[in-house]
């Protein structure tokens, strides 16, 4: 299967918020997070099931990122699209946000 990536609007907002937050403390940290997102989401194209299922909502998988961020995505086998939905700090009440 040849999957495609689709970044959902909520993810774009989450990433922008994270970049702004990290930039206030360290521009290098913000760049590192952005780079990790790019590299690791591209890996999903060849290994969409490499990260664990989110037990609270099994539709989602969780990809860990630097600075305690977690990326939530869904592998849609019907459309062959990997939908990247959210980026949260691991300390947030995630189950309330999904």
Foldseek 3Di string as FASTA:
>chain_A
DQAAEDEDPQAVVQLVVVLVVVVVPPNVVNVQQVVQVVVVVVVCRVPVPPFAADVVDRQWGWDATPPQKIWIWGQDPVVRYIYTYHIDRNPDPVVVVD
